[in-house]
C-alpha atoms as a PDB file:
ATOM      1  CA  MET A   1      17.284  26.586   0.202  1.00  0.00           C
ATOM      2  CA  ARG A   2      15.051  29.422   1.271  1.00  0.00           C
ATOM      3  CA  SER A   3      12.129  30.237  -0.978  1.00  0.00           C
ATOM      4  CA  GLN A   4      10.400  33.431  -1.995  1.00  0.00           C
ATOM      5  CA  LEU A   5       6.646  33.779  -1.435  1.00  0.00           C
ATOM      6  CA  LEU A   6       5.328  31.345  -4.010  1.00  0.00           C
ATOM      7  CA  PRO A   7       2.682  32.501  -6.449  1.00  0.00           C
ATOM      8  CA  PHE A   8      -0.736  31.135  -5.627  1.00  0.00           C
ATOM      9  CA  CYS A   9      -0.768  29.178  -8.867  1.00  0.00           C
ATOM     10  CA  LEU A  10       1.979  26.966  -7.415  1.00  0.00           C
ATOM     11  CA  LEU A  11      -0.028  26.329  -4.284  1.00  0.00           C
ATOM     12  CA  LEU A  12      -2.881  24.716  -6.183  1.00  0.00           C
ATOM     13  CA  VAL A  13      -0.873  21.682  -7.146  1.00  0.00           C
ATOM     14  CA  SER A  14      -1.833  19.030  -9.654  1.00  0.00           C
ATOM     15  CA  PRO A  15      -1.823  15.257  -9.189  1.00  0.00           C
ATOM     16  CA  MET A  16       1.190  13.075  -9.799  1.00  0.00           C
ATOM     17  CA  TYR A  17       0.909   9.326  -9.701  1.00  0.00           C
ATOM     18  CA  GLY A  18       4.388   7.842  -9.535  1.00  0.00           C
ATOM     19  CA  GLN A  19       5.181   4.202 -10.002  1.00  0.00           C
ATOM     20  CA  ASP A  20       2.131   1.964  -9.563  1.00  0.00           C
ATOM     21  CA  SER A  21       3.699   0.442  -6.452  1.00  0.00           C
ATOM     22  CA  GLY A  22       5.078   3.745  -5.193  1.00  0.00           C
ATOM     23  CA  LEU A  23       4.009   6.795  -3.288  1.00  0.00           C
ATOM     24  CA  ARG A  24       1.092   8.788  -4.645  1.00  0.00           C
ATOM     25  CA  CYS A  25       0.865  11.920  -2.546  1.00  0.00           C
ATOM     26  CA  LEU A  26      -1.716  14.598  -3.295  1.00  0.00           C
ATOM     27  CA  ASN A  27      -0.370  17.253  -0.956  1.00  0.00           C
ATOM     28  CA  ASN A  28      -2.854  20.122  -0.521  1.00  0.00           C
ATOM     29  CA  HIS A  29      -5.356  17.969  -2.420  1.00  0.00           C
ATOM     30  CA  PRO A  30      -6.140  20.244  -5.393  1.00  0.00           C
ATOM     31  CA  VAL A  31      -9.749  19.162  -5.931  1.00  0.00           C
ATOM     32  CA  GLU A  32     -10.686  19.455  -2.261  1.00  0.00           C
ATOM     33  CA  LEU A  33      -8.775  22.703  -1.800  1.00  0.00           C
ATOM     34  CA  ASP A  34     -10.356  24.271  -4.865  1.00  0.00           C
ATOM     35  CA  ARG A  35     -13.812  23.337  -3.563  1.00  0.00           C
ATOM     36  CA  HIS A  36     -13.003  24.848  -0.169  1.00  0.00           C
ATOM     37  CA  LEU A  37     -11.788  28.118  -1.691  1.00  0.00           C
ATOM     38  CA  SER A  38     -14.857  28.392  -3.884  1.00  0.00           C
ATOM     39  CA  GLU A  39     -17.121  27.933  -0.870  1.00  0.00           C
ATOM     40  CA  ALA A  40     -15.122  30.240   1.422  1.00  0.00           C
ATOM     41  CA  PRO A  41     -13.584  33.054  -0.660  1.00  0.00           C
ATOM     42  CA  GLN A  42     -12.014  34.657   2.419  1.00  0.00           C
ATOM     43  CA  ALA A  43      -9.990  31.486   3.023  1.00  0.00           C
ATOM     44  CA  LEU A  44      -7.271  32.464   0.562  1.00  0.00           C
ATOM     45  CA  ASP A  45      -6.495  35.746   2.311  1.00  0.00           C
ATOM     46  CA  ARG A  46      -6.381  34.020   5.683  1.00  0.00           C
ATOM     47  CA  ALA A  47      -4.094  31.301   4.344  1.00  0.00           C
ATOM     48  CA  LEU A  48      -1.664  33.803   2.829  1.00  0.00           C
ATOM     49  CA  THR A  49      -1.594  35.754   6.093  1.00  0.00           C
ATOM     50  CA  ALA A  50      -0.887  32.540   7.998  1.00  0.00           C
ATOM     51  CA  LYS A  51       1.838  31.611   5.513  1.00  0.00           C
ATOM     52  CA  ALA A  52       3.562  34.982   5.905  1.00  0.00           C
ATOM     53  CA  ALA A  53       3.518  34.648   9.696  1.00  0.00           C
ATOM     54  CA  LEU A  54       4.816  31.088   9.602  1.00  0.00           C
ATOM     55  CA  ASP A  55       7.513  31.953   7.042  1.00  0.00           C
ATOM     56  CA  ALA A  56       8.748  34.778   9.276  1.00  0.00           C
ATOM     57  CA  ARG A  57       8.819  32.490  12.298  1.00  0.00           C
ATOM     58  CA  THR A  58      10.617  29.762  10.371  1.00  0.00           C
ATOM     59  CA  ALA A  59      13.274  32.167   9.058  1.00  0.00           C
ATOM     60  CA  SER A  60      14.258  33.189  12.597  1.00  0.00           C
ATOM     61  CA  PHE A  61      13.652  29.872  14.363  1.00  0.00           C
ATOM     62  CA  GLN A  62      16.406  28.426  16.484  1.00  0.00           C
ATOM     63  CA  ARG A  63      15.993  25.139  18.251  1.00  0.00           C
ATOM     64  CA  GLY A  64      16.163  25.623  22.003  1.00  0.00           C
ATOM     65  CA  GLY A  65      15.328  23.566  25.034  1.00  0.00           C
ATOM     66  CA  GLY A  66      11.589  23.464  24.418  1.00  0.00           C
ATOM     67  CA  GLY A  67       9.448  20.417  24.530  1.00  0.00           C
ATOM     68  CA  PRO A  68       9.190  17.539  25.005  1.00  0.00           C
ATOM     69  CA  TYR A  69       7.070  17.551  21.877  1.00  0.00           C
ATOM     70  CA  ILE A  70       4.563  14.777  22.484  1.00  0.00           C
ATOM     71  CA  ILE A  71       1.579  14.648  20.130  1.00  0.00           C
ATOM     72  CA  PRO A  72      -1.550  12.624  20.990  1.00  0.00           C
ATOM     73  CA  VAL A  73      -2.733  10.742  17.892  1.00  0.00           C
ATOM     74  CA  VAL A  74      -6.065   9.187  17.020  1.00  0.00           C
ATOM     75  CA  PHE A  75      -6.569   6.787  14.100  1.00  0.00           C
ATOM     76  CA  HIS A  76     -10.086   6.793  12.701  1.00  0.00           C
ATOM     77  CA  ILE A  77     -10.628   3.540  10.795  1.00  0.00           C
ATOM     78  CA  ILE A  78     -13.410   4.252   8.285  1.00  0.00           C
ATOM     79  CA  HIS A  79     -14.429   0.887   6.885  1.00  0.00           C
ATOM     80  CA  ASN A  80     -17.151  -1.169   5.280  1.00  0.00           C
ATOM     81  CA  ASN A  81     -16.122  -4.457   6.907  1.00  0.00           C
ATOM     82  CA  GLY A  82     -13.420  -4.974   4.300  1.00  0.00           C
ATOM     83  CA  PRO A  83      -9.622  -5.238   4.474  1.00  0.00           C
ATOM     84  CA  GLU A  84      -9.447  -1.533   5.296  1.00  0.00           C
ATOM     85  CA  ASN A  85     -10.641  -2.431   8.814  1.00  0.00           C
ATOM     86  CA  ILE A  86      -7.032  -2.949   9.828  1.00  0.00           C
ATOM     87  CA  SER A  87      -5.963  -4.421  13.149  1.00  0.00           C
ATOM     88  CA  ASP A  88      -4.906  -2.506  16.238  1.00  0.00           C
ATOM     89  CA  ALA A  89      -1.505  -4.149  15.835  1.00  0.00           C
ATOM     90  CA  GLN A  90      -1.078  -2.616  12.363  1.00  0.00           C
ATOM     91  CA  VAL A  91      -1.891   0.837  13.752  1.00  0.00           C
ATOM     92  CA  GLU A  92       0.547   0.352  16.633  1.00  0.00           C
ATOM     93  CA  ASP A  93       3.215  -0.699  14.153  1.00  0.00           C
ATOM     94  CA  ALA A  94       2.610   2.493  12.159  1.00  0.00           C
ATOM     95  CA  VAL A  95       3.093   4.604  15.288  1.00  0.00           C
ATOM     96  CA  ARG A  96       6.317   2.737  16.024  1.00  0.00           C
ATOM     97  CA  ILE A  97       7.682   3.540  12.580  1.00  0.00           C
ATOM     98  CA  LEU A  98       6.597   7.166  12.846  1.00  0.00           C
ATOM     99  CA  ASN A  99       8.452   7.540  16.143  1.00  0.00           C
ATOM    100  CA  GLU A 100      11.558   5.840  14.815  1.00  0.00           C
ATOM    101  CA  ASP A 101      11.661   8.079  11.750  1.00  0.00           C
ATOM    102  CA  PHE A 102      11.173  11.316  13.704  1.00  0.00           C
ATOM    103  CA  ASN A 103      13.753  10.437  16.368  1.00  0.00           C
ATOM    104  CA  LYS A 104      16.585   8.981  14.284  1.00  0.00           C
ATOM    105  CA  LEU A 105      15.828   5.541  15.683  1.00  0.00           C
ATOM    106  CA  ASN A 106      15.119   3.857  12.348  1.00  0.00           C
ATOM    107  CA  PRO A 107      17.830   1.211  11.921  1.00  0.00           C
ATOM    108  CA  ASP A 108      18.308   2.098   8.231  1.00  0.00           C
ATOM    109  CA  TRP A 109      19.419   5.711   8.818  1.00  0.00           C
ATOM    110  CA  THR A 110      23.004   4.465   8.866  1.00  0.00           C
ATOM    111  CA  GLN A 111      22.529   3.548   5.187  1.00  0.00           C
ATOM    112  CA  VAL A 112      22.150   7.194   4.174  1.00  0.00           C
ATOM    113  CA  ALA A 113      24.557   8.299   1.439  1.00  0.00           C
ATOM    114  CA  PRO A 114      27.807   9.716   2.889  1.00  0.00           C
ATOM    115  CA  ALA A 115      27.080  13.164   1.437  1.00  0.00           C
ATOM    116  CA  PHE A 116      24.091  13.513   3.804  1.00  0.00           C
ATOM    117  CA  ILE A 117      24.918  11.272   6.762  1.00  0.00           C
ATOM    118  CA  ASP A 118      26.037  14.217   8.921  1.00  0.00           C
ATOM    119  CA  ILE A 119      22.706  16.049   8.614  1.00  0.00           C
ATOM    120  CA  VAL A 120      20.341  13.184   9.427  1.00  0.00           C
ATOM    121  CA  ALA A 121      17.989  14.774  11.959  1.00  0.00           C
ATOM    122  CA  ASP A 122      16.653  13.660  15.293  1.00  0.00           C
ATOM    123  CA  VAL A 123      13.535  15.822  15.045  1.00  0.00           C
ATOM    124  CA  GLY A 124      12.541  15.136  18.633  1.00  0.00           C
ATOM    125  CA  ILE A 125       8.786  14.633  18.216  1.00  0.00           C
ATOM    126  CA  GLU A 126       7.031  11.707  19.866  1.00  0.00           C
ATOM    127  CA  PHE A 127       3.648  10.416  18.707  1.00  0.00           C
ATOM    128  CA  ARG A 128       1.469   8.578  21.202  1.00  0.00           C
ATOM    129  CA  LEU A 129      -1.913   6.957  20.691  1.00  0.00           C
ATOM    130  CA  ALA A 130      -4.397   8.969  22.735  1.00  0.00           C
ATOM    131  CA  GLN A 131      -5.454   7.508  26.088  1.00  0.00           C
ATOM    132  CA  ARG A 132      -8.513   9.716  26.631  1.00  0.00           C
ATOM    133  CA  ASP A 133     -11.185  10.683  24.142  1.00  0.00           C
ATOM    134  CA  PRO A 134     -12.626  14.214  23.909  1.00  0.00           C
ATOM    135  CA  GLU A 135     -15.159  13.388  26.677  1.00  0.00           C
ATOM    136  CA  GLY A 136     -12.446  12.159  29.027  1.00  0.00           C
ATOM    137  CA  ASN A 137     -13.207   8.449  28.612  1.00  0.00           C
ATOM    138  CA  CYS A 138     -10.461   5.870  28.282  1.00  0.00           C
ATOM    139  CA  THR A 139      -9.479   5.015  24.702  1.00  0.00           C
ATOM    140  CA  ASN A 140      -6.772   3.147  22.849  1.00  0.00           C
ATOM    141  CA  GLY A 141      -6.510   5.986  20.319  1.00  0.00           C
ATOM    142  CA  ILE A 142      -8.319   3.990  17.609  1.00  0.00           C
ATOM    143  CA  THR A 143     -11.925   4.499  16.490  1.00  0.00           C
ATOM    144  CA  ARG A 144     -13.860   2.351  14.035  1.00  0.00           C
ATOM    145  CA  THR A 145     -16.757   3.641  11.954  1.00  0.00           C
ATOM    146  CA  VAL A 146     -18.691   1.783   9.261  1.00  0.00           C
ATOM    147  CA  SER A 147     -19.267   4.005   6.224  1.00  0.00           C
ATOM    148  CA  ASN A 148     -19.429   3.597   2.453  1.00  0.00           C
ATOM    149  CA  LEU A 149     -17.316   6.763   2.265  1.00  0.00           C
ATOM    150  CA  THR A 150     -14.277   4.576   2.897  1.00  0.00           C
ATOM    151  CA  GLU A 151     -14.469   3.879  -0.841  1.00  0.00           C
ATOM    152  CA  VAL A 152     -13.973   7.603  -1.530  1.00  0.00           C
ATOM    153  CA  GLY A 153     -11.682   8.977   1.157  1.00  0.00           C
ATOM    154  CA  ASP A 154     -12.550  12.614   0.541  1.00  0.00           C
ATOM    155  CA  PHE A 155     -13.310  15.596   2.787  1.00  0.00           C
ATOM    156  CA  ASP A 156     -16.855  14.343   3.377  1.00  0.00           C
ATOM    157  CA  MET A 157     -15.447  11.111   4.775  1.00  0.00           C
ATOM    158  CA  THR A 158     -13.341  13.004   7.302  1.00  0.00           C
ATOM    159  CA  GLN A 159     -16.495  14.688   8.583  1.00  0.00           C
ATOM    160  CA  VAL A 160     -17.929  11.334   9.684  1.00  0.00           C
ATOM    161  CA  ILE A 161     -15.715  11.571  12.774  1.00  0.00           C
ATOM    162  CA  GLN A 162     -13.051  14.023  13.900  1.00  0.00           C
ATOM    163  CA  TRP A 163     -11.588  14.823  17.290  1.00  0.00           C
ATOM    164  CA  PRO A 164     -10.584  18.424  18.159  1.00  0.00           C
ATOM    165  CA  ARG A 165      -7.474  19.354  16.213  1.00  0.00           C
ATOM    166  CA  GLU A 166      -6.025  21.398  19.086  1.00  0.00           C
ATOM    167  CA  ARG A 167      -5.929  18.220  21.199  1.00  0.00           C
ATOM    168  CA  TYR A 168      -5.249  15.414  18.728  1.00  0.00           C
ATOM    169  CA  MET A 169      -3.539  14.671  15.452  1.00  0.00           C
ATOM    170  CA  ASN A 170      -6.317  13.025  13.410  1.00  0.00           C
ATOM    171  CA  ILE A 171      -5.434  10.239  10.971  1.00  0.00           C
ATOM    172  CA  TRP A 172      -8.196   8.725   8.832  1.00  0.00           C
ATOM    173  CA  VAL A 173      -7.594   5.246   7.390  1.00  0.00           C
ATOM    174  CA  CYS A 174      -9.767   4.198   4.464  1.00  0.00           C
ATOM    175  CA  ARG A 175      -9.963   1.828   1.511  1.00  0.00           C
ATOM    176  CA  TYR A 176      -9.443   4.509  -1.161  1.00  0.00           C
ATOM    177  CA  ALA A 177      -7.781   7.798  -0.229  1.00  0.00           C
ATOM    178  CA  ASN A 178      -9.252  10.059  -2.901  1.00  0.00           C
ATOM    179  CA  GLY A 179      -6.696   9.074  -5.539  1.00  0.00           C
ATOM    180  CA  ALA A 180      -3.614   8.973  -3.322  1.00  0.00           C
ATOM    181  CA  ALA A 181      -1.644   6.803  -0.945  1.00  0.00           C
ATOM    182  CA  GLY A 182      -2.156   9.667   1.475  1.00  0.00           C
ATOM    183  CA  TYR A 183      -2.723  13.406   1.607  1.00  0.00           C
ATOM    184  CA  THR A 184      -2.933  16.361   3.947  1.00  0.00           C
ATOM    185  CA  TYR A 185      -2.506  20.147   3.855  1.00  0.00           C
ATOM    186  CA  TYR A 186       0.063  22.688   5.009  1.00  0.00           C
ATOM    187  CA  PRO A 187      -0.709  24.520   8.275  1.00  0.00           C
ATOM    188  CA  MET A 188      -1.333  27.724   6.287  1.00  0.00           C
ATOM    189  CA  TRP A 189      -4.424  26.179   4.694  1.00  0.00           C
ATOM    190  CA  LEU A 190      -5.603  24.445   7.846  1.00  0.00           C
ATOM    191  CA  ASP A 191      -5.311  27.540  10.028  1.00  0.00           C
ATOM    192  CA  GLY A 192      -8.778  28.657   8.933  1.00  0.00           C
ATOM    193  CA  TRP A 193     -10.020  25.220   7.903  1.00  0.00           C
ATOM    194  CA  PRO A 194     -10.002  23.072  11.065  1.00  0.00           C
ATOM    195  CA  GLU A 195     -12.543  20.666   9.583  1.00  0.00           C
ATOM    196  CA  ALA A 196      -9.864  19.328   7.214  1.00  0.00           C
ATOM    197  CA  ASP A 197      -7.060  19.134   9.775  1.00  0.00           C
ATOM    198  CA  GLY A 198      -5.463  15.709   9.741  1.00  0.00           C
ATOM    199  CA  ILE A 199      -4.054  13.080   7.410  1.00  0.00           C
ATOM    200  CA  VAL A 200      -5.969  10.710   5.130  1.00  0.00           C
ATOM    201  CA  VAL A 201      -4.138   7.493   4.281  1.00  0.00           C
ATOM    202  CA  GLN A 202      -5.000   4.349   2.351  1.00  0.00           C
ATOM    203  CA  TYR A 203      -5.147   1.284   4.588  1.00  0.00           C
ATOM    204  CA  ASN A 204      -2.321  -0.629   2.903  1.00  0.00           C
ATOM    205  CA  TYR A 205       0.111   2.260   3.435  1.00  0.00           C
ATOM    206  CA  VAL A 206      -0.192   2.041   7.224  1.00  0.00           C
ATOM    207  CA  GLY A 207       2.602   0.236   9.058  1.00  0.00           C
ATOM    208  CA  SER A 208       4.651  -2.707   7.853  1.00  0.00           C
ATOM    209  CA  ILE A 209       2.477  -5.638   8.955  1.00  0.00           C
ATOM    210  CA  GLY A 210      -1.019  -6.910   8.146  1.00  0.00           C
ATOM    211  CA  ALA A 211      -2.280  -5.106   5.041  1.00  0.00           C
ATOM    212  CA  GLY A 212       0.786  -2.857   5.136  1.00  0.00           C
ATOM    213  CA  SER A 213       4.314  -3.650   4.030  1.00  0.00           C
ATOM    214  CA  PRO A 214       7.826  -2.382   4.825  1.00  0.00           C
ATOM    215  CA  PHE A 215       8.028  -0.933   1.293  1.00  0.00           C
ATOM    216  CA  ARG A 216       5.018   1.337   1.852  1.00  0.00           C
ATOM    217  CA  SER A 217       5.450   2.004   5.558  1.00  0.00           C
ATOM    218  CA  ARG A 218       7.025   5.480   5.342  1.00  0.00           C
ATOM    219  CA  VAL A 219       3.976   7.196   3.828  1.00  0.00           C
ATOM    220  CA  LEU A 220       2.828   8.478   7.225  1.00  0.00           C
ATOM    221  CA  SER A 221       6.262   9.982   7.877  1.00  0.00           C
ATOM    222  CA  HIS A 222       6.001  11.755   4.512  1.00  0.00           C
ATOM    223  CA  GLU A 223       2.475  13.046   5.139  1.00  0.00           C
ATOM    224  CA  THR A 224       3.277  14.121   8.690  1.00  0.00           C
ATOM    225  CA  GLY A 225       6.110  16.155   7.210  1.00  0.00           C
ATOM    226  CA  HIS A 226       3.567  18.007   5.056  1.00  0.00           C
ATOM    227  CA  TRP A 227       1.254  18.407   8.061  1.00  0.00           C
ATOM    228  CA  LEU A 228       4.183  20.111   9.809  1.00  0.00           C
ATOM    229  CA  ASN A 229       4.893  22.465   6.877  1.00  0.00           C
ATOM    230  CA  LEU A 230       7.413  20.538   4.781  1.00  0.00           C
ATOM    231  CA  MET A 231       7.203  20.661   1.008  1.00  0.00           C
ATOM    232  CA  HIS A 232       8.461  17.958  -1.296  1.00  0.00           C
ATOM    233  CA  CYS A 233      12.216  18.181  -1.822  1.00  0.00           C
ATOM    234  CA  TRP A 234      11.638  19.527  -5.330  1.00  0.00           C
ATOM    235  CA  GLY A 235       9.328  22.287  -4.104  1.00  0.00           C
ATOM    236  CA  ASP A 236       5.649  23.086  -3.936  1.00  0.00           C
ATOM    237  CA  SER A 237       4.150  20.657  -6.420  1.00  0.00           C
ATOM    238  CA  ASN A 238       3.165  17.005  -6.691  1.00  0.00           C
ATOM    239  CA  GLU A 239       5.103  16.461  -9.925  1.00  0.00           C
ATOM    240  CA  PRO A 240       8.582  14.958  -9.444  1.00  0.00           C
ATOM    241  CA  GLY A 241      10.940  14.504 -12.372  1.00  0.00           C
ATOM    242  CA  ASP A 242      10.145  17.795 -14.099  1.00  0.00           C
ATOM    243  CA  ASP A 243      13.074  20.000 -15.127  1.00  0.00           C
ATOM    244  CA  ALA A 244      11.007  23.036 -14.130  1.00  0.00           C
ATOM    245  CA  ASN A 245      11.333  21.905 -10.511  1.00  0.00           C
ATOM    246  CA  CYS A 246      14.940  23.097 -10.508  1.00  0.00           C
ATOM    247  CA  ALA A 247      13.595  26.646 -10.351  1.00  0.00           C
ATOM    248  CA  MET A 248      11.452  25.832  -7.306  1.00  0.00           C
ATOM    249  CA  ASP A 249      12.511  25.440  -3.711  1.00  0.00           C
ATOM    250  CA  ASP A 250      11.331  23.710  -0.546  1.00  0.00           C
ATOM    251  CA  GLY A 251      12.223  26.481   1.910  1.00  0.00           C
ATOM    252  CA  VAL A 252      15.027  24.449   3.536  1.00  0.00           C
ATOM    253  CA  ASP A 253      18.700  25.403   3.307  1.00  0.00           C
ATOM    254  CA  ASP A 254      20.267  21.935   3.453  1.00  0.00           C
ATOM    255  CA  THR A 255      18.132  20.124   0.856  1.00  0.00           C
ATOM    256  CA  PRO A 256      19.517  20.649  -2.663  1.00  0.00           C
ATOM    257  CA  ASN A 257      17.096  21.789  -5.344  1.00  0.00           C
ATOM    258  CA  THR A 258      16.103  18.725  -7.348  1.00  0.00           C
ATOM    259  CA  ARG A 259      13.882  17.527 -10.156  1.00  0.00           C
ATOM    260  CA  GLY A 260      12.467  14.951  -7.734  1.00  0.00           C
ATOM    261  CA  TRP A 261      12.762  11.164  -7.769  1.00  0.00           C
ATOM    262  CA  THR A 262      10.386   8.229  -8.181  1.00  0.00           C
ATOM    263  CA  SER A 263      13.150   5.605  -8.199  1.00  0.00           C
ATOM    264  CA  CYS A 264      15.879   4.921  -5.688  1.00  0.00           C
ATOM    265  CA  LEU A 265      19.022   6.004  -7.520  1.00  0.00           C
ATOM    266  CA  VAL A 266      20.929   7.043  -4.396  1.00  0.00           C
ATOM    267  CA  THR A 267      23.734   8.605  -6.460  1.00  0.00           C
ATOM    268  CA  GLY A 268      21.234  10.517  -8.589  1.00  0.00           C
ATOM    269  CA  ALA A 269      21.911  14.163  -9.351  1.00  0.00           C
ATOM    270  CA  SER A 270      19.935  16.916 -11.035  1.00  0.00           C
ATOM    271  CA  CYS A 271      19.720  20.694 -11.212  1.00  0.00           C
ATOM    272  CA  GLY A 272      23.504  20.971 -11.323  1.00  0.00           C
ATOM    273  CA  ASN A 273      24.026  19.123  -8.014  1.00  0.00           C
ATOM    274  CA  VAL A 274      26.795  16.683  -7.270  1.00  0.00           C
ATOM    275  CA  GLN A 275      24.179  14.505  -5.561  1.00  0.00           C
ATOM    276  CA  ASP A 276      20.500  14.838  -4.658  1.00  0.00           C
ATOM    277  CA  ASN A 277      19.019  13.881  -1.285  1.00  0.00           C
ATOM    278  CA  VAL A 278      17.145  10.957  -2.816  1.00  0.00           C
ATOM    279  CA  GLN A 279      16.714   9.160   0.528  1.00  0.00           C
ATOM    280  CA  ASN A 280      14.698  11.981   2.076  1.00  0.00           C
ATOM    281  CA  TYR A 281      11.261  11.205   3.498  1.00  0.00           C
ATOM    282  CA  MET A 282       9.859  14.034   1.364  1.00  0.00           C
ATOM    283  CA  GLU A 283      10.884  12.344  -1.879  1.00  0.00           C
ATOM    284  CA  TYR A 284       8.928   9.722  -3.857  1.00  0.00           C
ATOM    285  CA  ALA A 285      11.899   7.382  -4.251  1.00  0.00           C
ATOM    286  CA  TYR A 286      10.710   4.770  -1.754  1.00  0.00           C
ATOM    287  CA  CYS A 287      14.066   4.357  -0.069  1.00  0.00           C
ATOM    288  CA  SER A 288      13.429   6.991   2.587  1.00  0.00           C
ATOM    289  CA  ARG A 289      15.843   7.109   5.512  1.00  0.00           C
ATOM    290  CA  MET A 290      15.991  10.679   6.790  1.00  0.00           C
ATOM    291  CA  PHE A 291      14.861  14.201   7.445  1.00  0.00           C
ATOM    292  CA  THR A 292      17.585  16.857   7.358  1.00  0.00           C
ATOM    293  CA  THR A 293      18.374  19.145  10.288  1.00  0.00           C
ATOM    294  CA  GLY A 294      16.938  22.031   8.283  1.00  0.00           C
ATOM    295  CA  GLN A 295      13.696  20.148   7.766  1.00  0.00           C
ATOM    296  CA  ALA A 296      13.578  19.386  11.493  1.00  0.00           C
ATOM    297  CA  ASP A 297      13.866  23.078  12.317  1.00  0.00           C
ATOM    298  CA  ARG A 298      11.118  23.927   9.840  1.00  0.00           C
ATOM    299  CA  MET A 299       8.775  21.345  11.371  1.00  0.00           C
ATOM    300  CA  LEU A 300       9.495  22.484  14.919  1.00  0.00           C
ATOM    301  CA  ALA A 301       8.887  26.086  13.922  1.00  0.00           C
ATOM    302  CA  ALA A 302       5.430  25.012  12.758  1.00  0.00           C
ATOM    303  CA  LEU A 303       4.784  22.828  15.796  1.00  0.00           C
ATOM    304  CA  THR A 304       5.604  25.667  18.205  1.00  0.00           C
ATOM    305  CA  SER A 305       3.455  28.170  16.288  1.00  0.00           C
ATOM    306  CA  PRO A 306      -0.188  29.132  16.895  1.00  0.00           C
ATOM    307  CA  ILE A 307      -0.867  28.629  13.174  1.00  0.00           C
ATOM    308  CA  ALA A 308      -3.438  25.812  12.914  1.00  0.00           C
ATOM    309  CA  GLN A 309      -3.206  25.513  16.728  1.00  0.00           C
ATOM    310  CA  ARG A 310      -0.139  23.301  16.456  1.00  0.00           C
ATOM    311  CA  GLU A 311       1.434  24.667  19.654  1.00  0.00           C
ATOM    312  CA  ASP A 312      -1.571  23.489  21.705  1.00  0.00           C
ATOM    313  CA  LEU A 313      -1.016  19.815  20.945  1.00  0.00           C
ATOM    314  CA  TRP A 314       2.089  19.168  23.037  1.00  0.00           C
ATOM    315  CA  GLN A 315       1.357  21.426  26.014  1.00  0.00           C
ATOM    316  CA  PRO A 316       1.326  19.701  29.436  1.00  0.00           C
ATOM    317  CA  GLY A 317      -2.291  20.718  29.979  1.00  0.00           C
ATOM    318  CA  ASN A 318      -3.299  18.830  26.853  1.00  0.00           C
ATOM    319  CA  LEU A 319      -1.221  15.760  27.660  1.00  0.00           C
END
């Protein structure tokens, strides 16, 4: 359902740690974002201007024949010679899962509850490991840097290495992701904050092999949704299961308002619904199977927008 302009107090979200074995997402990481705003007071005004522009574009967006939407990706493995120095094969497996989830190729989409099976989206975005680095040299799209900051996983860690955000989607893999399984920021915040543009993810939430596992393998799909302007299904917070979430909204017409889920009760219902979209990638339920068609449109509106230079990524000249 479409949302009103959210008060700023809702944008500075607070942490929510779900089940110990489940997703811990710190979307718009509140500590890092608060530090950024204190150091750059003009950043709030720029972010709200970017949000208004992106909201207007999203409201009128209609999927056409654009694309193909191919995004070059680079994984920066920040490690201290520990298990966080994951294999190339684990990274490649993560990219495989990301592509399956964004193109309705995941074999488990057919297990979506009947109430939502007809709106499972083929988003139409392809992620490819970069083949050239910023200097034009051949690369496999994976960098490896030894740093003690892998034990922190904060903004300072991301500054150890970053490729230009208008040419690559940056993903930093580390041992400890600043209190989360993964986190990133909406395009509105990143528009004027390119230094933070990308996704930070804990090493054992990458892919389904090696240090990863099938149970945790959809975290990158969830975080990429945020990176492309999706909220959680319950709205703009990191706190699922709260009755107050029924009064919030995620800006998407075909996702019912919900309290939010940390367990996979597929028949679960809240906020007066007959059934919630528990199997959505933007939930915490850990039985993710789908994006909705409305979520796909919202992501493509962001990807084809100049906000945070998203539209530069998939242009032929960049590829």
